[in-house]
């Protein structure tokens, strides 16, 4: 099983590399068989990781299956005890529910769950920043501009401190904060 898991993780790294280059369809073509191989392995942690990558790519390509894939990844990762993947899948699910399906109540529910888990589990800083950015986006989308601005400003300070001023997460937070100021 260790060799299967290593193979899946190699496929996922290749998919991430293609996605970073903006080659989302090529990345999806790598992530789909990786997801199938992860499921065949039966190893819950890698199933969650593969589902997260597949869901992110589906979201990037506007595939309506993204929310379901991300929801499954969130639950599988939680069952596996992989809190970082669970929180990251939750952040992407909140983003997808907010921007693609306008399911704000569901997004708020997932956000509350993920934020409580993040406060307890302390995920890596880039995942925490992504989660906070998506919650602020949810606030802004619902017209709660002051709450969104306050969250973005707090997240920006944390991102600069933990990730460095040149990190992509800092740039994303700055960009989203600017949209609230408009």
Protein backbone atom coordinates (compact mmCIF):
# COMPACT_ATOMS: atom_id res chain seq x y z
CA UNK A 1 0.00 0.00 0.00
CA UNK A 2 2.93 2.35 0.66
CA UNK A 3 3.96 2.15 -2.99
CA UNK A 4 0.38 2.91 -4.12
CA UNK A 5 0.19 5.94 -1.83
CA UNK A 6 3.58 7.21 -3.02
CA UNK A 7 2.45 6.81 -6.62
CA UNK A 8 -0.75 8.76 -5.97
CA UNK A 9 1.19 11.55 -4.27
CA UNK A 10 3.58 11.74 -7.22
CA UNK A 11 0.61 12.06 -9.60
CA UNK A 12 -0.88 14.78 -7.39
CA UNK A 13 2.41 16.72 -7.40
CA UNK A 14 2.45 16.53 -11.19
CA UNK A 15 -1.14 17.79 -11.28
CA UNK A 16 -0.26 20.68 -8.95
CA UNK A 17 2.70 21.59 -11.16
CA UNK A 18 0.46 21.73 -14.24
CA UNK A 19 -2.09 23.82 -12.35
CA UNK A 20 0.59 26.30 -11.26
CA UNK A 21 1.40 26.76 -14.93
CA UNK A 22 -2.29 27.42 -15.64
CA UNK A 23 -2.72 24.13 -17.46
CA UNK A 24 -5.90 23.17 -15.63
CA UNK A 25 -7.18 20.63 -18.14
CA UNK A 26 -3.82 18.84 -18.16
CA UNK A 27 -3.80 18.94 -14.36
CA UNK A 28 -7.32 17.51 -14.27
CA UNK A 29 -6.24 14.71 -16.61
CA UNK A 30 -3.60 13.79 -14.01
CA UNK A 31 -5.78 14.31 -10.93
CA UNK A 32 -8.67 12.10 -12.07
CA UNK A 33 -6.66 8.87 -12.27
CA UNK A 34 -4.82 9.86 -9.09
CA UNK A 35 -8.18 10.13 -7.34
CA UNK A 36 -9.21 6.70 -8.66
CA UNK A 37 -5.89 5.20 -7.54
CA UNK A 38 -6.25 6.82 -4.12
CA UNK A 39 -9.70 5.30 -3.71
CA UNK A 40 -8.39 1.91 -4.82
CA UNK A 41 -5.69 2.11 -2.13
CA UNK A 42 -8.31 2.50 0.61
CA UNK A 43 -5.94 4.84 2.50
CA UNK A 44 -8.20 7.63 3.77
CA UNK A 45 -5.55 10.34 4.05
CA UNK A 46 -4.50 10.07 0.41
CA UNK A 47 -8.15 9.81 -0.69
CA UNK A 48 -8.72 13.17 1.02
CA UNK A 49 -5.62 14.68 -0.59
CA UNK A 50 -6.65 13.48 -4.06
CA UNK A 51 -10.21 14.72 -3.57
CA UNK A 52 -8.94 18.14 -2.53
CA UNK A 53 -6.78 18.46 -5.64
CA UNK A 54 -9.51 17.16 -7.93
CA UNK A 55 -12.08 19.51 -6.38
CA UNK A 56 -9.77 22.53 -6.69
CA UNK A 57 -9.23 21.78 -10.36
CA UNK A 58 -12.94 21.21 -10.97
CA UNK A 59 -13.59 24.57 -9.33
CA UNK A 60 -10.98 26.28 -11.51
CA UNK A 61 -12.62 24.80 -14.61
CA UNK A 62 -16.17 25.72 -13.53
CA UNK A 63 -17.26 22.10 -13.13
CA UNK A 64 -20.47 21.85 -11.11
CA UNK A 65 -19.12 18.71 -9.41
CA UNK A 66 -16.51 20.75 -7.50
CA UNK A 67 -18.64 21.38 -4.40
CA UNK A 68 -19.47 17.69 -4.01
CA UNK A 69 -15.88 16.62 -4.55
CA UNK A 70 -14.59 19.17 -2.03
CA UNK A 71 -17.27 18.21 0.50
CA UNK A 72 -16.28 14.55 0.19
CA UNK A 73 -12.58 15.45 0.52
CA UNK A 74 -13.35 17.47 3.66
CA UNK A 75 -15.21 14.57 5.29
CA UNK A 76 -12.70 11.91 4.27
CA UNK A 77 -9.78 14.00 5.52
CA UNK A 78 -11.59 14.57 8.81
CA UNK A 79 -12.16 10.83 9.19
CA UNK A 80 -8.48 10.21 8.46
CA UNK A 81 -7.43 12.75 11.09
CA UNK A 82 -5.74 14.88 8.41
CA UNK A 83 -6.73 18.26 9.78
CA UNK A 84 -4.70 20.37 7.35
CA UNK A 85 -6.36 18.75 4.32
CA UNK A 86 -9.78 18.92 5.98
CA UNK A 87 -9.39 22.66 6.66
CA UNK A 88 -8.00 23.34 3.19
CA UNK A 89 -10.85 21.41 1.53
CA UNK A 90 -13.27 23.38 3.72
CA UNK A 91 -11.75 26.68 2.59
CA UNK A 92 -12.07 25.70 -1.06
CA UNK A 93 -15.63 24.48 -0.44
CA UNK A 94 -16.59 27.81 1.17
CA UNK A 95 -15.07 29.61 -1.83
CA UNK A 96 -16.96 27.39 -4.28
CA UNK A 97 -20.28 27.68 -2.45
CA UNK A 98 -19.84 31.46 -2.28
CA UNK A 99 -18.66 32.21 -5.80
CA UNK A 100 -20.17 29.47 -7.94
CA UNK A 101 -23.41 28.37 -6.30
CA UNK A 102 -24.40 31.32 -4.05
CA UNK A 103 -25.22 28.88 -1.25
CA UNK A 104 -24.31 31.31 1.51
CA UNK A 105 -26.01 29.48 4.39
CA UNK A 106 -24.16 26.27 3.57
CA UNK A 107 -20.93 28.21 3.09
CA UNK A 108 -21.41 29.87 6.48
CA UNK A 109 -21.98 26.50 8.13
CA UNK A 110 -18.83 25.01 6.59
CA UNK A 111 -16.86 28.16 7.45
CA UNK A 112 -17.89 27.95 11.11
CA UNK A 113 -16.89 24.30 11.29
CA UNK A 114 -13.55 24.93 9.56
CA UNK A 115 -12.73 27.99 11.64
CA UNK A 116 -13.38 26.10 14.88
CA UNK A 117 -11.17 23.25 13.66
CA UNK A 118 -8.44 25.70 12.62
CA UNK A 119 -8.52 27.45 15.98
CA UNK A 120 -8.09 24.10 17.69
CA UNK A 121 -5.71 22.35 15.27
CA UNK A 122 -3.48 25.22 14.03
CA UNK A 123 -3.02 24.31 10.35
CA UNK A 124 -0.07 25.63 8.32
CA UNK A 125 -0.20 29.39 7.91
CA UNK A 126 -0.96 29.34 4.17
CA UNK A 127 -4.04 27.17 4.75
CA UNK A 128 -5.21 29.34 7.66
CA UNK A 129 -4.80 32.47 5.53
CA UNK A 130 -6.76 30.86 2.67
CA UNK A 131 -9.56 29.94 5.09
CA UNK A 132 -9.73 33.45 6.54
CA UNK A 133 -9.72 34.98 3.04
CA UNK A 134 -12.63 32.80 1.96
CA UNK A 135 -14.64 33.65 5.07
CA UNK A 136 -13.99 37.36 4.44
CA UNK A 137 -15.09 36.88 0.82
CA UNK A 138 -18.28 35.24 2.07
CA UNK A 139 -18.87 38.23 4.37
CA UNK A 140 -18.26 40.72 1.54
CA UNK A 141 -20.46 38.82 -0.90
CA UNK A 142 -23.31 39.00 1.61
CA UNK A 143 -22.80 42.76 2.04
CA UNK A 144 -21.06 42.59 5.42
CA UNK A 145 -18.26 44.89 4.29
CA UNK A 146 -17.04 46.01 7.71
CA UNK A 147 -16.70 42.42 8.91
CA UNK A 148 -14.93 41.47 5.67
CA UNK A 149 -12.56 44.42 5.93
CA UNK A 150 -11.69 43.65 9.54
CA UNK A 151 -11.05 39.98 8.73
CA UNK A 152 -8.93 40.82 5.68
CA UNK A 153 -6.86 43.31 7.66
CA UNK A 154 -6.25 40.81 10.46
CA UNK A 155 -5.44 38.09 7.93
CA UNK A 156 -3.06 40.39 6.06
CA UNK A 157 -1.08 41.11 9.24
CA UNK A 158 -0.87 37.41 10.02
CA UNK A 159 0.08 36.49 6.44
CA UNK A 160 2.86 39.08 6.32
CA UNK A 161 4.22 37.89 9.65
CA UNK A 162 4.01 34.13 9.02
CA UNK A 163 4.45 33.87 5.24
CA UNK A 164 6.52 36.93 4.34
CA UNK A 165 5.49 40.01 2.38
CA UNK A 166 6.24 38.44 -1.02
CA UNK A 167 4.13 35.30 -0.53
CA UNK A 168 1.22 34.70 -2.93
CA UNK A 169 -1.17 34.45 0.04
CA UNK A 170 -0.29 38.00 1.05
CA UNK A 171 -0.92 39.22 -2.48
CA UNK A 172 -4.29 37.46 -2.60
CA UNK A 173 -5.36 39.00 0.70
CA UNK A 174 -4.25 42.48 -0.44
CA UNK A 175 -6.17 42.10 -3.69
CA UNK A 176 -9.32 40.99 -1.90
CA UNK A 177 -8.99 43.76 0.67
CA UNK A 178 -8.78 46.30 -2.17
CA UNK A 179 -12.11 45.04 -3.55
CA UNK A 180 -13.75 45.75 -0.19
CA UNK A 181 -12.39 49.30 -0.18
CA UNK A 182 -14.03 50.02 -3.58
